[in-house]
Amino acid sequence: MNSNEEILQTAGETFEYANIYVQKQIDLLKLEGAERVAKSTSSIVTLAVLAFLATMVTVMLSITIGFALGEALGSYALAFLIITGVYTLFGLLVYFFKKQLVTNPILSVVLASFFD
């Protein structure tokens, strides 16, 4: 009898240790998931801030070039039309090559930060 009780007690302790181990593993997976989400979000926010700043620089530079080109050509309307044409051409190139220029690099950054 005594032996049976010891076996049951040992089995109960083993079950409790296994239960604790499983809970710790679940907690570890949650923490790892939260870390990956935080890193991915951080990368996306950084990329968005850099894109915003690049946009602001581009706008200011475009206005400056437009006025300088307008002085040289004698027509501000023609100068800004030329700048608009350049941006339209650039936009078409990005549209036609969006997978190579936009999708793949962003996907690489997000996946690298997620699986790092």
C-alpha atoms as a PDB file:
ATOM      1  CA  MET A   1       0.000   0.000   0.000  1.00  0.00           C
ATOM      2  CA  ASN A   2       2.728   2.318   0.983  1.00  0.00           C
ATOM      3  CA  SER A   3       4.411   1.766  -2.361  1.00  0.00           C
ATOM      4  CA  ASN A   4       1.176   2.578  -4.235  1.00  0.00           C
ATOM      5  CA  GLU A   5       0.759   5.802  -2.319  1.00  0.00           C
ATOM      6  CA  GLU A   6       4.331   6.808  -3.123  1.00  0.00           C
ATOM      7  CA  ILE A   7       3.763   6.071  -6.799  1.00  0.00           C
ATOM      8  CA  LEU A   8       0.560   8.131  -6.821  1.00  0.00           C
ATOM      9  CA  GLN A   9       2.260  10.984  -5.003  1.00  0.00           C
ATOM     10  CA  THR A  10       5.205  10.894  -7.413  1.00  0.00           C
ATOM     11  CA  ALA A  11       2.840  10.776 -10.380  1.00  0.00           C
ATOM     12  CA  GLY A  12       0.922  13.761  -8.976  1.00  0.00           C
ATOM     13  CA  GLU A  13       4.131  15.725  -8.520  1.00  0.00           C
ATOM     14  CA  THR A  14       5.267  14.824 -12.030  1.00  0.00           C
ATOM     15  CA  PHE A  15       1.931  15.933 -13.436  1.00  0.00           C
ATOM     16  CA  GLU A  16       2.199  19.225 -11.516  1.00  0.00           C
ATOM     17  CA  TYR A  17       5.748  19.800 -12.817  1.00  0.00           C
ATOM     18  CA  ALA A  18       4.577  19.043 -16.348  1.00  0.00           C
ATOM     19  CA  ASN A  19       1.702  21.486 -15.926  1.00  0.00           C
ATOM     20  CA  ILE A  20       4.072  24.201 -14.676  1.00  0.00           C
ATOM     21  CA  TYR A  21       6.450  23.474 -17.576  1.00  0.00           C
ATOM     22  CA  VAL A  22       3.649  23.818 -20.138  1.00  0.00           C
ATOM     23  CA  GLN A  23       2.528  27.126 -18.578  1.00  0.00           C
ATOM     24  CA  LYS A  24       6.105  28.447 -18.706  1.00  0.00           C
ATOM     25  CA  GLN A  25       6.384  27.438 -22.349  1.00  0.00           C
ATOM     26  CA  ILE A  26       3.131  29.234 -23.158  1.00  0.00           C
ATOM     27  CA  ASP A  27       4.384  32.347 -21.354  1.00  0.00           C
ATOM     28  CA  LEU A  28       7.669  32.158 -23.266  1.00  0.00           C
ATOM     29  CA  LEU A  29       5.846  31.906 -26.603  1.00  0.00           C
ATOM     30  CA  LYS A  30       3.688  34.914 -25.692  1.00  0.00           C
ATOM     31  CA  LEU A  31       6.761  36.963 -24.821  1.00  0.00           C
ATOM     32  CA  GLU A  32       8.554  35.970 -28.008  1.00  0.00           C
ATOM     33  CA  GLY A  33       5.482  36.858 -30.047  1.00  0.00           C
ATOM     34  CA  ALA A  34       5.170  40.228 -28.346  1.00  0.00           C
ATOM     35  CA  GLU A  35       8.848  40.920 -29.010  1.00  0.00           C
ATOM     36  CA  ARG A  36       8.451  40.101 -32.703  1.00  0.00           C
ATOM     37  CA  VAL A  37       5.373  42.289 -33.015  1.00  0.00           C
ATOM     38  CA  ALA A  38       7.169  45.148 -31.250  1.00  0.00           C
ATOM     39  CA  LYS A  39      10.194  44.867 -33.534  1.00  0.00           C
ATOM     40  CA  SER A  40       8.008  44.753 -36.648  1.00  0.00           C
ATOM     41  CA  THR A  41       5.950  47.722 -35.494  1.00  0.00           C
ATOM     42  CA  SER A  42       9.103  49.643 -34.666  1.00  0.00           C
ATOM     43  CA  SER A  43      10.493  49.014 -38.147  1.00  0.00           C
ATOM     44  CA  ILE A  44       7.246  50.095 -39.802  1.00  0.00           C
ATOM     45  CA  VAL A  45       6.984  53.285 -37.723  1.00  0.00           C
ATOM     46  CA  THR A  46      10.625  54.154 -38.437  1.00  0.00           C
ATOM     47  CA  LEU A  47      10.052  53.593 -42.137  1.00  0.00           C
ATOM     48  CA  ALA A  48       6.926  55.794 -42.044  1.00  0.00           C
ATOM     49  CA  VAL A  49       8.756  58.637 -40.280  1.00  0.00           C
ATOM     50  CA  LEU A  50      11.627  58.447 -42.762  1.00  0.00           C
ATOM     51  CA  ALA A  51       9.164  58.424 -45.669  1.00  0.00           C
ATOM     52  CA  PHE A  52       7.412  61.505 -44.256  1.00  0.00           C
ATOM     53  CA  LEU A  53      10.703  63.365 -43.849  1.00  0.00           C
ATOM     54  CA  ALA A  54      11.802  62.373 -47.351  1.00  0.00           C
ATOM     55  CA  THR A  55       8.484  63.650 -48.686  1.00  0.00           C
ATOM     56  CA  MET A  56       8.937  66.995 -46.937  1.00  0.00           C
ATOM     57  CA  VAL A  57      12.466  67.353 -48.317  1.00  0.00           C
ATOM     58  CA  THR A  58      11.226  66.460 -51.794  1.00  0.00           C
ATOM     59  CA  VAL A  59       8.400  69.026 -51.645  1.00  0.00           C
ATOM     60  CA  MET A  60      10.696  71.808 -50.492  1.00  0.00           C
ATOM     61  CA  LEU A  61      13.343  70.904 -53.036  1.00  0.00           C
ATOM     62  CA  SER A  62      10.720  70.786 -55.794  1.00  0.00           C
ATOM     63  CA  ILE A  63       9.469  74.257 -54.931  1.00  0.00           C
ATOM     64  CA  THR A  64      13.033  75.575 -54.905  1.00  0.00           C
ATOM     65  CA  ILE A  65      13.844  73.965 -58.252  1.00  0.00           C
ATOM     66  CA  GLY A  66      10.547  75.223 -59.666  1.00  0.00           C
ATOM     67  CA  PHE A  67      11.303  78.825 -58.780  1.00  0.00           C
ATOM     68  CA  ALA A  68      14.920  78.557 -59.980  1.00  0.00           C
ATOM     69  CA  LEU A  69      13.848  76.935 -63.234  1.00  0.00           C
ATOM     70  CA  GLY A  70      11.100  79.528 -63.599  1.00  0.00           C
ATOM     71  CA  GLU A  71      13.666  82.323 -63.355  1.00  0.00           C
ATOM     72  CA  ALA A  72      15.833  80.614 -65.990  1.00  0.00           C
ATOM     73  CA  LEU A  73      12.945  79.909 -68.385  1.00  0.00           C
ATOM     74  CA  GLY A  74      11.077  83.134 -67.732  1.00  0.00           C
ATOM     75  CA  SER A  75       7.885  81.229 -66.935  1.00  0.00           C
ATOM     76  CA  TYR A  76       7.036  79.781 -63.557  1.00  0.00           C
ATOM     77  CA  ALA A  77       4.100  77.881 -65.038  1.00  0.00           C
ATOM     78  CA  LEU A  78       6.348  76.104 -67.535  1.00  0.00           C
ATOM     79  CA  ALA A  79       8.892  75.325 -64.806  1.00  0.00           C
ATOM     80  CA  PHE A  80       6.307  73.730 -62.522  1.00  0.00           C
ATOM     81  CA  LEU A  81       4.809  71.894 -65.508  1.00  0.00           C
ATOM     82  CA  ILE A  82       8.237  70.379 -66.211  1.00  0.00           C
ATOM     83  CA  ILE A  83       8.576  69.329 -62.559  1.00  0.00           C
ATOM     84  CA  THR A  84       5.091  67.821 -62.681  1.00  0.00           C
ATOM     85  CA  GLY A  85       6.082  65.864 -65.800  1.00  0.00           C
ATOM     86  CA  VAL A  86       9.189  64.531 -64.070  1.00  0.00           C
ATOM     87  CA  TYR A  87       7.115  63.388 -61.073  1.00  0.00           C
ATOM     88  CA  THR A  88       4.516  61.827 -63.356  1.00  0.00           C
ATOM     89  CA  LEU A  89       7.249  59.875 -65.138  1.00  0.00           C
ATOM     90  CA  PHE A  90       8.717  58.848 -61.785  1.00  0.00           C
ATOM     91  CA  GLY A  91       5.267  57.762 -60.565  1.00  0.00           C
ATOM     92  CA  LEU A  92       4.703  55.641 -63.667  1.00  0.00           C
ATOM     93  CA  LEU A  93       8.079  53.958 -63.229  1.00  0.00           C
ATOM     94  CA  VAL A  94       7.272  53.167 -59.600  1.00  0.00           C
ATOM     95  CA  TYR A  95       3.852  51.846 -60.612  1.00  0.00           C
ATOM     96  CA  PHE A  96       5.239  49.525 -63.275  1.00  0.00           C
ATOM     97  CA  PHE A  97       8.149  48.331 -61.141  1.00  0.00           C
ATOM     98  CA  LYS A  98       6.358  48.400 -57.776  1.00  0.00           C
ATOM     99  CA  LYS A  99       7.165  44.798 -56.935  1.00  0.00           C
ATOM    100  CA  GLN A 100      10.920  45.313 -57.270  1.00  0.00           C
ATOM    101  CA  LEU A 101      11.008  48.879 -55.888  1.00  0.00           C
ATOM    102  CA  VAL A 102       8.389  48.847 -53.117  1.00  0.00           C
ATOM    103  CA  THR A 103       6.856  45.481 -52.255  1.00  0.00           C
ATOM    104  CA  ASN A 104       9.979  43.307 -52.013  1.00  0.00           C
ATOM    105  CA  PRO A 105      12.089  45.745 -49.921  1.00  0.00           C
ATOM    106  CA  ILE A 106       9.258  46.434 -47.459  1.00  0.00           C
ATOM    107  CA  LEU A 107       8.470  42.730 -47.219  1.00  0.00           C
ATOM    108  CA  SER A 108      12.146  41.983 -46.567  1.00  0.00           C
ATOM    109  CA  VAL A 109      12.354  44.564 -43.769  1.00  0.00           C
ATOM    110  CA  VAL A 110       9.191  43.334 -42.067  1.00  0.00           C
ATOM    111  CA  LEU A 111      10.123  39.651 -42.355  1.00  0.00           C
ATOM    112  CA  ALA A 112      13.686  40.276 -41.196  1.00  0.00           C
ATOM    113  CA  SER A 113      12.490  42.111 -38.111  1.00  0.00           C
ATOM    114  CA  PHE A 114       9.781  39.517 -37.436  1.00  0.00           C
ATOM    115  CA  PHE A 115      12.054  36.464 -37.692  1.00  0.00           C
ATOM    116  CA  ASP A 116      15.193  38.057 -36.218  1.00  0.00           C
END
